[in-house]
Amino acid sequence: MLHDSSEGNQSFHYGFLSQQPLASATLGIETVKLALLFHYLKQIGISFNACTSVRHCTEVPRNVNMESLQSGYLFPEISMRESEHIRKHPDARLIRLGIGDTTQPIPDIITSAMAEHAFALSTVKGYKGYGAEQGNMALRTAIADRFYKDMGIEGDEIFISDGAQSDISRLQMLLGSNVTVAVQDPSFPAYIDTSVIVGQAGKFLKETGKYRNIVYMNCRPENNFFPDLSTTSRTDIIFFCSPNNPTGHAATWHQLKKLVEFAKANGSIVVYDSAYAAYITDPRPRSIYEIPGAREVAIEISSFSKFAGFTGVRLGWTVVPEELRYSNGYPVVKDFNRIVCTCFNGASNIVQAGGLACLSPDGFQALRTVIDYYKENAKIIVDAFQSLGLKVYGGKNAPYVWVQFPGSSSWDVFAEILEKTHILTIPGSGFGPGGNEHIRVSAFGHRECISEACRRLKKFL
């Protein structure tokens, strides 16, 4: 039933779905339909009170920060809309160029190493239990040698994890609720959502689509996807991703030099996400530590997911240099080590064996072949959209293509492409208000799917 709440909004009482308006793609079609309805009602100001229709509620209040999250996390919402489209068009061949999940097999030199390690666990000689929470030192050293050679990064400054996204949350736990935060706009949603969850974000302002206490750094084509730091407010933390997800832009050496100098002048810490660095093919920096002084102001997070196909295997790392200090002079690395040892028992030793194989000469060369495959996919996508007279960005140093549709809502463009071509993309506004009028297209896919998608786009758009 509907009634007026004490805050002047309407409230709709309906069980558990009121708490889960963004159902996953695995739910039944009728559940998805109800979830879509409730999500729509919520967007127009109708809220939900689940407890009146369940048998028991505890006296524990919901975390107010969770209540501040807007809508649902972007990618589950895409999955929900995908399910609804499949219901409407059960015979259509859907092509998924939305969520950036890898599709090519992991080279067997890498999977063989994991299989060998797994088999060894069934022997007395080969069995191992807990490892170091910080990760296998051989892997930490291999990462330092492969990605940070001549940058002064040592193995004991590298922490192995189950992926960059998990490390974003651990870093937020480290930093706490009292710091101020800046993000690129558009940017990967996890930076903002974790800021909301830990209490950094403040009130959401519907008129701007932004949180009051977060500084949104405009990164659009007009400014070459790099913020005007002369007008950017000082914050404690600056989240910065290069190559950027979603725009695909890789920052230049001079741009990152400005960022490091800005952070140093303001006493800020840069959390630098280099998850797509392996896709950079020109002289642009692959790590922020290529910039002088970065060790004093930056933490770097990265991942095996997109360069090694480990999206389901799960392996990443975070670099916290010894020189990085809090305002009182205490080393940040000591606190991060405590966070890791408290919240994490270490990455799987089987997966870490795979990580070592990735960084071997033969393993790394095999992965270069897979990366080149995705980069060729990106070139095909870029050419297709450019042939339609659209402005296209990214796709050169990243597996994402950023397409502009001036004057159009990104969700409308997403819906039109899905309806006309049965191709799933990502609406740019899902990455922040600066992403409106754009869509993100992923180059992760089988070549035949990429070619078929481009044929459909040229025919129907």
Protein backbone atom coordinates (compact mmCIF):
# COMPACT_ATOMS: atom_id res chain seq x y z
CA MET A 1 0.00 0.00 0.00
CA LEU A 2 0.98 3.63 -0.40
CA HIS A 3 0.94 6.26 2.31
CA ASP A 4 2.64 9.51 3.26
CA SER A 5 5.72 9.12 5.43
CA SER A 6 6.84 11.47 8.14
CA GLU A 7 9.37 13.02 5.75
CA GLY A 8 6.79 13.90 3.16
CA ASN A 9 7.71 11.12 0.74
CA GLN A 10 5.51 8.22 -0.20
CA SER A 11 6.48 4.85 1.19
CA PHE A 12 5.73 1.50 -0.43
CA HIS A 13 5.69 -1.58 1.78
CA TYR A 14 6.87 -4.72 0.01
CA GLY A 15 9.19 -7.32 1.57
CA PHE A 16 12.78 -7.99 0.64
CA LEU A 17 12.77 -6.48 -2.85
CA SER A 18 12.49 -3.00 -1.36
CA GLN A 19 16.03 -3.53 -0.14
CA GLN A 20 17.18 -5.01 -3.45
CA PRO A 21 15.76 -2.88 -6.28
CA LEU A 22 18.69 -3.87 -8.47
CA ALA A 23 18.37 -7.61 -8.77
CA SER A 24 21.13 -9.68 -10.34
CA ALA A 25 20.84 -11.23 -13.76
CA THR A 26 20.34 -14.65 -12.17
CA LEU A 27 16.94 -13.80 -10.67
CA GLY A 28 13.74 -14.95 -12.31
CA ILE A 29 12.10 -12.75 -14.92
CA GLU A 30 9.11 -11.87 -12.72
CA THR A 31 11.48 -10.86 -9.93
CA VAL A 32 13.42 -8.70 -12.36
CA LYS A 33 10.18 -7.04 -13.50
CA LEU A 34 9.25 -6.26 -9.91
CA ALA A 35 12.75 -5.00 -9.22
CA LEU A 36 12.53 -2.67 -12.23
CA LEU A 37 9.19 -1.34 -10.97
CA PHE A 38 10.48 -0.73 -7.46
CA HIS A 39 13.65 0.89 -8.78
CA TYR A 40 11.54 3.25 -10.91
CA LEU A 41 9.24 4.10 -8.01
CA LYS A 42 12.25 4.86 -5.84
CA GLN A 43 13.64 7.22 -8.49
CA ILE A 44 10.41 9.26 -8.42
CA GLY A 45 10.41 9.60 -4.65
CA ILE A 46 8.59 6.51 -3.43
CA SER A 47 10.59 4.80 -0.70
CA PHE A 48 10.11 1.35 0.81
CA ASN A 49 9.58 -0.01 4.28
CA ALA A 50 10.31 -3.73 4.26
CA CYS A 51 9.70 -4.50 7.91
CA THR A 52 5.89 -4.24 7.82
CA SER A 53 5.70 -7.31 5.58
CA VAL A 54 8.24 -9.57 7.29
CA ARG A 55 7.82 -11.58 10.46
CA HIS A 56 10.61 -10.05 12.52
CA CYS A 57 12.93 -7.04 12.45
CA THR A 58 15.86 -6.53 14.78
CA GLU A 59 16.49 -3.31 16.70
CA VAL A 60 19.72 -2.70 14.76
CA PRO A 61 19.52 0.43 12.61
CA ARG A 62 20.75 0.37 9.04
CA ASN A 63 24.13 2.03 8.40
CA VAL A 64 23.21 5.58 7.36
CA ASN A 65 26.05 5.61 4.85
CA MET A 66 24.52 2.64 3.03
CA GLU A 67 21.28 4.59 2.85
CA SER A 68 23.19 7.38 1.11
CA LEU A 69 24.19 5.19 -1.82
CA GLN A 70 22.33 6.18 -4.94
CA SER A 71 20.41 3.56 -6.88
CA GLY A 72 22.47 0.39 -7.20
CA TYR A 73 25.99 -0.34 -8.22
CA LEU A 74 26.24 0.32 -11.97
CA PHE A 75 27.13 -3.14 -13.22
CA PRO A 76 24.35 -5.09 -11.45
CA GLU A 77 21.90 -2.57 -12.93
CA ILE A 78 23.26 -3.29 -16.41
CA SER A 79 22.81 -7.01 -15.73
CA MET A 80 19.21 -6.42 -14.70
CA ARG A 81 18.46 -4.50 -17.89
CA GLU A 82 20.15 -7.25 -19.86
CA SER A 83 17.79 -9.81 -18.30
CA GLU A 84 14.77 -7.70 -19.17
CA HIS A 85 15.96 -7.35 -22.78
CA ILE A 86 16.41 -11.12 -23.07
CA ARG A 87 12.85 -11.61 -21.82
CA LYS A 88 11.52 -9.26 -24.48
CA HIS A 89 13.71 -10.68 -27.26
CA PRO A 90 14.32 -14.35 -26.43
CA ASP A 91 15.51 -15.19 -29.96
CA ALA A 92 17.93 -12.28 -30.35
CA ARG A 93 21.66 -12.91 -30.27
CA LEU A 94 22.87 -10.51 -27.61
CA ILE A 95 26.42 -9.18 -27.95
CA ARG A 96 27.93 -8.01 -24.66
CA LEU A 97 30.33 -5.09 -25.04
CA GLY A 98 29.43 -3.58 -21.69
CA ILE A 99 30.95 -4.94 -18.49
CA GLY A 100 34.70 -5.26 -19.03
CA ASP A 101 35.12 -8.98 -18.54
CA THR A 102 37.92 -10.73 -20.42
CA THR A 103 37.01 -13.46 -22.91
CA GLN A 104 40.24 -15.00 -24.25
CA PRO A 105 41.68 -18.14 -22.61
CA ILE A 106 44.57 -17.78 -20.19
CA PRO A 107 47.77 -19.09 -21.84
CA ASP A 108 48.49 -22.66 -20.81
CA ILE A 109 51.96 -21.81 -19.51
CA ILE A 110 50.12 -19.93 -16.75
CA THR A 111 47.28 -22.38 -16.08
CA SER A 112 49.80 -25.25 -16.03
CA ALA A 113 51.71 -23.52 -13.24
CA MET A 114 48.53 -23.18 -11.21
CA ALA A 115 47.53 -26.78 -11.89
CA GLU A 116 50.97 -28.04 -10.85
CA HIS A 117 50.81 -26.06 -7.62
CA ALA A 118 47.29 -27.30 -6.91
CA PHE A 119 48.32 -30.92 -7.49
CA ALA A 120 51.33 -30.49 -5.20
CA LEU A 121 48.95 -29.63 -2.36
CA SER A 122 47.83 -33.26 -2.39
CA THR A 123 51.34 -34.40 -1.45
CA VAL A 124 53.15 -34.25 1.86
CA LYS A 125 56.11 -32.50 0.27
CA GLY A 126 54.08 -29.96 -1.65
CA TYR A 127 51.40 -29.08 0.88
CA LYS A 128 51.40 -25.54 2.23
CA GLY A 129 48.90 -23.81 4.49
CA TYR A 130 48.73 -20.14 5.34
CA GLY A 131 51.18 -17.90 3.55
CA ALA A 132 52.27 -14.37 4.37
CA GLU A 133 49.32 -11.97 4.36
CA GLN A 134 51.40 -9.54 2.29
CA GLY A 135 51.97 -12.19 -0.38
CA ASN A 136 54.66 -14.53 -1.64
CA MET A 137 57.93 -12.55 -1.59
CA ALA A 138 59.01 -14.14 -4.87
CA LEU A 139 55.89 -12.69 -6.54
CA ARG A 140 56.31 -9.32 -4.84
CA THR A 141 59.89 -9.14 -6.08
CA ALA A 142 58.87 -10.24 -9.59
CA ILE A 143 56.28 -7.45 -9.75
CA ALA A 144 58.89 -4.92 -8.66
CA ASP A 145 61.32 -6.17 -11.31
CA ARG A 146 58.75 -6.35 -14.11
CA PHE A 147 56.76 -3.15 -13.57
CA TYR A 148 58.87 -0.85 -11.38
CA LYS A 149 62.43 -1.41 -12.56
CA ASP A 150 64.60 1.66 -11.93
CA MET A 151 61.77 3.37 -9.99
CA GLY A 152 63.10 2.47 -6.55
CA ILE A 153 60.16 0.21 -5.62
CA GLU A 154 61.14 -2.81 -3.53
CA GLY A 155 59.29 -6.07 -3.03
CA ASP A 156 58.48 -5.33 0.61
CA GLU A 157 56.56 -2.20 -0.49
CA ILE A 158 54.22 -4.36 -2.62
CA PHE A 159 51.18 -6.09 -1.10
CA ILE A 160 49.58 -8.96 -3.02
CA SER A 161 45.77 -9.07 -2.95
CA ASP A 162 42.71 -10.63 -4.54
CA GLY A 163 42.27 -7.67 -6.90
CA ALA A 164 42.39 -3.91 -7.17
CA GLN A 165 38.74 -3.40 -6.25
CA SER A 166 39.24 -5.15 -2.92
CA ASP A 167 42.28 -2.97 -2.30
CA ILE A 168 40.24 0.18 -2.92
CA SER A 169 38.02 -0.85 -0.01
CA ARG A 170 41.01 -1.70 2.20
CA LEU A 171 42.54 1.68 1.45
CA GLN A 172 39.28 3.37 2.39
CA MET A 173 39.35 1.50 5.70
CA LEU A 174 42.91 2.72 6.15
CA LEU A 175 42.04 6.35 5.38
CA GLY A 176 38.84 6.56 7.43
CA SER A 177 35.83 8.84 7.30
CA ASN A 178 37.48 12.15 8.14
CA VAL A 179 39.48 12.65 4.94
CA THR A 180 38.34 14.65 1.92
CA VAL A 181 38.31 13.03 -1.51
CA ALA A 182 38.61 14.05 -5.17
CA VAL A 183 37.78 11.82 -8.14
CA GLN A 184 38.01 12.13 -11.89
CA ASP A 185 34.65 12.78 -13.52
CA PRO A 186 33.90 10.38 -15.13
CA SER A 187 35.57 7.60 -13.17
CA PHE A 188 35.25 4.00 -12.01
CA PRO A 189 32.20 3.88 -9.66
CA ALA A 190 33.97 2.07 -6.81
CA TYR A 191 35.94 5.19 -5.82
CA ILE A 192 32.74 7.11 -5.10
CA ASP A 193 30.69 4.24 -3.69
CA THR A 194 33.39 3.25 -1.19
CA SER A 195 33.73 6.91 -0.20
CA VAL A 196 30.01 6.96 0.54
CA ILE A 197 30.13 3.71 2.50
CA VAL A 198 32.92 4.89 4.82
CA GLY A 199 31.24 8.26 5.38
CA GLN A 200 33.41 10.65 3.36
CA ALA A 201 30.88 11.75 0.75
CA GLY A 202 28.21 13.81 2.51
CA LYS A 203 24.73 14.41 1.14
CA PHE A 204 23.83 13.49 -2.42
CA LEU A 205 22.67 16.52 -4.41
CA LYS A 206 20.09 15.44 -6.98
CA GLU A 207 20.31 18.68 -8.94
CA THR A 208 23.97 18.06 -9.76
CA GLY A 209 24.18 14.29 -9.49
CA LYS A 210 27.11 14.70 -7.10
CA TYR A 211 27.92 14.18 -3.44
CA ARG A 212 28.46 17.39 -1.50
CA ASN A 213 31.82 16.50 0.07
CA ILE A 214 33.46 14.89 -2.97
CA VAL A 215 35.42 17.05 -5.41
CA TYR A 216 34.65 16.02 -8.99
CA MET A 217 37.56 16.80 -11.32
CA ASN A 218 36.21 17.40 -14.80
CA CYS A 219 37.99 15.12 -17.29
CA ARG A 220 36.32 15.54 -20.66
CA PRO A 221 37.45 15.87 -24.28
CA GLU A 222 37.56 19.67 -23.97
CA ASN A 223 40.44 19.51 -21.47
CA ASN A 224 42.14 16.44 -22.90
CA PHE A 225 40.68 14.34 -20.08
CA PHE A 226 42.88 16.00 -17.46
CA PRO A 227 41.54 18.34 -14.75
CA ASP A 228 42.39 22.01 -14.44
CA LEU A 229 44.36 21.71 -11.22
CA SER A 230 44.58 25.49 -10.86
CA THR A 231 40.86 25.53 -10.04
CA THR A 232 40.69 22.19 -8.22
CA SER A 233 40.03 22.38 -4.49
CA ARG A 234 42.53 20.84 -2.11
CA THR A 235 41.57 17.39 -0.80
CA ASP A 236 43.38 14.82 1.31
CA ILE A 237 42.97 12.01 -1.22
CA ILE A 238 42.94 12.10 -5.02
CA PHE A 239 41.73 9.01 -6.87
CA PHE A 240 43.27 8.93 -10.34
CA CYS A 241 43.08 6.13 -12.92
CA SER A 242 45.33 5.95 -15.99
CA PRO A 243 44.59 4.59 -18.51
CA ASN A 244 41.23 5.81 -17.38
CA ASN A 245 38.17 3.66 -16.97
CA PRO A 246 35.87 4.60 -18.71
CA THR A 247 37.39 7.13 -21.16
CA GLY A 248 40.43 5.08 -22.17
CA HIS A 249 42.69 8.13 -21.87
CA ALA A 250 46.25 7.53 -20.68
CA ALA A 251 47.79 10.53 -18.95
CA THR A 252 51.02 11.95 -20.37
CA TRP A 253 54.24 12.34 -18.40
CA HIS A 254 53.68 16.10 -18.14
CA GLN A 255 50.11 15.64 -16.93
CA LEU A 256 51.21 13.25 -14.19
CA LYS A 257 54.06 15.57 -13.26
CA LYS A 258 51.46 18.30 -12.66
CA LEU A 259 49.40 15.87 -10.57
CA VAL A 260 52.37 14.89 -8.40
CA GLU A 261 53.39 18.52 -7.92
CA PHE A 262 49.78 19.43 -7.05
CA ALA A 263 49.59 16.65 -4.46
CA LYS A 264 52.92 17.61 -2.94
CA ALA A 265 52.00 21.31 -2.73
CA ASN A 266 48.70 20.45 -1.04
CA GLY A 267 49.92 17.66 1.23
CA SER A 268 47.61 15.18 -0.52
CA ILE A 269 47.89 11.46 -1.27
CA VAL A 270 47.21 10.21 -4.80
CA VAL A 271 45.62 6.75 -5.06
CA TYR A 272 46.73 5.83 -8.57
CA ASP A 273 44.93 2.99 -10.37
CA SER A 274 47.13 1.46 -13.09
CA ALA A 275 45.01 -1.63 -13.78
CA TYR A 276 45.14 -1.03 -17.55
CA ALA A 277 48.79 0.03 -17.83
CA ALA A 278 49.71 -3.03 -19.91
CA TYR A 279 47.62 -1.62 -22.78
CA ILE A 280 49.80 1.48 -23.15
CA THR A 281 51.83 1.23 -26.34
CA ASP A 282 53.27 4.73 -26.67
CA PRO A 283 55.79 6.44 -24.33
CA ARG A 284 53.18 7.48 -21.75
CA PRO A 285 53.89 6.43 -18.15
CA ARG A 286 52.73 3.00 -17.04
CA SER A 287 53.25 3.88 -13.38
CA ILE A 288 53.03 7.09 -11.41
CA TYR A 289 56.42 6.24 -9.92
CA GLU A 290 58.00 7.19 -13.25
CA ILE A 291 57.42 10.76 -12.05
CA PRO A 292 60.05 12.25 -9.71
CA GLY A 293 58.70 12.75 -6.20
CA ALA A 294 55.75 10.34 -6.62
CA ARG A 295 57.06 7.98 -3.94
CA GLU A 296 56.37 10.72 -1.38
CA VAL A 297 52.74 11.32 -2.40
CA ALA A 298 51.29 8.24 -4.13
CA ILE A 299 49.88 4.77 -3.54
CA GLU A 300 49.48 2.62 -6.65
CA ILE A 301 46.92 -0.16 -7.06
CA SER A 302 46.95 -2.61 -9.96
CA SER A 303 45.65 -5.96 -11.07
CA PHE A 304 46.23 -9.12 -13.09
CA SER A 305 42.57 -9.08 -14.16
CA LYS A 306 42.72 -7.26 -17.47
CA PHE A 307 46.26 -7.97 -18.65
CA ALA A 308 46.33 -11.65 -17.63
CA GLY A 309 42.65 -12.60 -17.90
CA PHE A 310 42.42 -13.11 -14.12
CA THR A 311 38.95 -11.54 -13.74
CA GLY A 312 37.68 -14.80 -12.26
CA VAL A 313 41.01 -16.03 -10.88
CA ARG A 314 41.52 -12.84 -8.78
CA LEU A 315 44.97 -11.36 -8.15
CA GLY A 316 46.20 -7.81 -7.71
CA TRP A 317 48.66 -5.67 -5.79
CA THR A 318 49.11 -2.35 -4.03
CA VAL A 319 52.34 -0.37 -3.74
CA VAL A 320 52.87 1.74 -0.61
CA PRO A 321 56.33 3.36 -0.65
CA GLU A 322 58.34 3.73 2.53
CA GLU A 323 58.65 7.49 1.92
CA LEU A 324 54.88 8.09 2.08
CA ARG A 325 54.05 9.63 5.47
CA TYR A 326 51.06 10.98 7.36
CA SER A 327 51.02 14.57 8.61
CA ASN A 328 52.60 13.37 11.89
CA GLY A 329 55.46 11.65 10.06
CA TYR A 330 54.23 8.08 10.64
CA PRO A 331 54.80 5.74 7.65
CA VAL A 332 51.58 4.91 5.79
CA VAL A 333 52.99 1.49 4.85
CA LYS A 334 52.97 0.38 8.50
CA ASP A 335 49.25 1.09 8.87
CA PHE A 336 48.44 -0.55 5.55
CA ASN A 337 50.38 -3.61 6.64
CA ARG A 338 48.22 -3.72 9.78
CA ILE A 339 45.03 -3.41 7.71
CA VAL A 340 46.14 -6.25 5.43
CA CYS A 341 47.13 -8.51 8.30
CA THR A 342 43.84 -7.81 10.11
CA CYS A 343 41.42 -8.08 7.18
CA PHE A 344 43.05 -10.52 4.78
CA ASN A 345 44.67 -13.95 5.04
CA GLY A 346 46.57 -13.55 1.80
CA ALA A 347 45.84 -14.37 -1.83
CA SER A 348 45.48 -18.00 -2.84
CA ASN A 349 48.89 -19.67 -3.13
CA ILE A 350 47.65 -21.40 -6.29
CA VAL A 351 46.77 -18.06 -7.86
CA GLN A 352 50.07 -16.54 -6.80
CA ALA A 353 51.85 -19.38 -8.62
CA GLY A 354 49.91 -18.32 -11.69
CA GLY A 355 50.97 -14.73 -11.10
CA LEU A 356 54.63 -15.75 -11.08
CA ALA A 357 54.11 -17.61 -14.35
CA CYS A 358 52.54 -14.49 -15.86
CA LEU A 359 55.69 -12.53 -15.13
CA SER A 360 58.11 -15.11 -16.50
CA PRO A 361 59.59 -14.22 -19.93
CA ASP A 362 57.49 -16.81 -21.76
CA GLY A 363 54.35 -16.11 -19.77
CA PHE A 364 54.57 -12.37 -20.26
CA GLN A 365 55.13 -12.79 -24.01
CA ALA A 366 52.07 -15.04 -24.24
CA LEU A 367 50.00 -12.38 -22.47
CA ARG A 368 51.24 -9.70 -24.89
CA THR A 369 49.62 -11.72 -27.67
CA VAL A 370 46.28 -11.67 -25.84
CA ILE A 371 46.56 -7.94 -25.14
CA ASP A 372 47.28 -7.28 -28.81
CA TYR A 373 44.16 -9.24 -29.70
CA TYR A 374 41.99 -6.98 -27.52
CA LYS A 375 43.72 -3.88 -28.87
CA GLU A 376 42.88 -4.95 -32.42
CA ASN A 377 39.27 -5.38 -31.27
CA ALA A 378 39.36 -1.81 -29.97
CA LYS A 379 40.65 -0.53 -33.30
CA ILE A 380 37.81 -2.28 -35.14
CA ILE A 381 35.26 -0.68 -32.78
CA VAL A 382 36.82 2.78 -33.09
CA ASP A 383 36.75 2.54 -36.90
CA ALA A 384 33.08 1.49 -36.86
CA PHE A 385 31.89 4.41 -34.75
CA GLN A 386 34.08 6.89 -36.63
CA SER A 387 32.55 5.70 -39.90
CA LEU A 388 29.20 6.82 -38.48
CA GLY A 389 30.55 10.35 -38.03
CA LEU A 390 30.80 10.13 -34.24
CA LYS A 391 33.58 11.46 -32.04
CA VAL A 392 35.44 8.54 -30.52
CA TYR A 393 38.07 8.51 -27.77
CA GLY A 394 40.19 5.82 -26.12
CA GLY A 395 40.83 2.43 -27.66
CA LYS A 396 44.52 3.10 -28.30
CA ASN A 397 46.09 2.71 -24.86
CA ALA A 398 43.14 0.99 -23.22
CA PRO A 399 40.57 -1.73 -23.93
CA TYR A 400 37.70 0.78 -23.72
CA VAL A 401 36.21 3.01 -26.40
CA TRP A 402 34.44 6.21 -25.33
CA VAL A 403 31.85 7.43 -27.84
CA GLN A 404 30.18 10.83 -27.72
CA PHE A 405 26.54 11.48 -28.64
CA PRO A 406 26.15 15.27 -28.23
CA GLY A 407 22.83 16.39 -26.76
CA SER A 408 21.68 12.86 -25.91
CA SER A 409 21.21 11.17 -22.55
CA SER A 410 23.68 8.34 -22.18
CA TRP A 411 20.96 6.04 -20.80
CA ASP A 412 18.78 6.84 -23.83
CA VAL A 413 21.66 6.01 -26.17
CA PHE A 414 22.33 2.80 -24.24
CA ALA A 415 18.65 1.82 -24.53
CA GLU A 416 18.43 2.67 -28.24
CA ILE A 417 21.53 0.68 -29.14
CA LEU A 418 20.32 -2.27 -27.09
CA GLU A 419 16.86 -2.20 -28.65
CA LYS A 420 17.98 -1.70 -32.26
CA THR A 421 21.13 -3.80 -32.38
CA HIS A 422 20.95 -6.15 -29.37
CA ILE A 423 24.36 -4.85 -28.27
CA LEU A 424 25.04 -4.20 -24.60
CA THR A 425 27.18 -1.14 -23.82
CA ILE A 426 27.57 1.01 -20.69
CA PRO A 427 25.92 4.46 -20.33
CA GLY A 428 28.54 7.07 -19.56
CA SER A 429 26.55 8.74 -16.79
CA GLY A 430 26.97 5.56 -14.77
CA PHE A 431 30.56 6.73 -14.27
CA GLY A 432 29.52 10.16 -13.00
CA PRO A 433 27.70 13.23 -14.33
CA GLY A 434 30.67 14.05 -16.57
CA GLY A 435 29.98 10.86 -18.50
CA ASN A 436 26.60 11.91 -19.84
CA GLU A 437 26.26 12.08 -23.64
CA HIS A 438 28.74 9.18 -23.89
CA ILE A 439 28.75 5.39 -23.85
CA ARG A 440 31.60 3.04 -23.00
CA VAL A 441 32.20 0.11 -25.32
CA SER A 442 34.44 -2.75 -24.21
CA ALA A 443 36.95 -4.39 -26.55
CA PHE A 444 36.87 -7.58 -24.50
CA GLY A 445 35.16 -10.08 -26.78
CA HIS A 446 35.65 -12.74 -29.41
CA ARG A 447 36.61 -11.33 -32.80
CA GLU A 448 33.52 -12.68 -34.53
CA CYS A 449 31.32 -10.92 -31.96
CA ILE A 450 33.21 -7.65 -32.38
CA SER A 451 32.89 -7.83 -36.17
CA GLU A 452 29.18 -8.69 -35.99
CA ALA A 453 28.55 -5.86 -33.51
CA CYS A 454 30.21 -3.35 -35.84
CA ARG A 455 28.16 -4.62 -38.76
CA ARG A 456 24.93 -4.10 -36.80
CA LEU A 457 25.99 -0.63 -35.62
CA LYS A 458 26.70 0.49 -39.19
CA LYS A 459 23.34 -0.88 -40.35
CA PHE A 460 21.03 0.41 -37.64
CA LEU A 461 22.56 3.64 -36.32
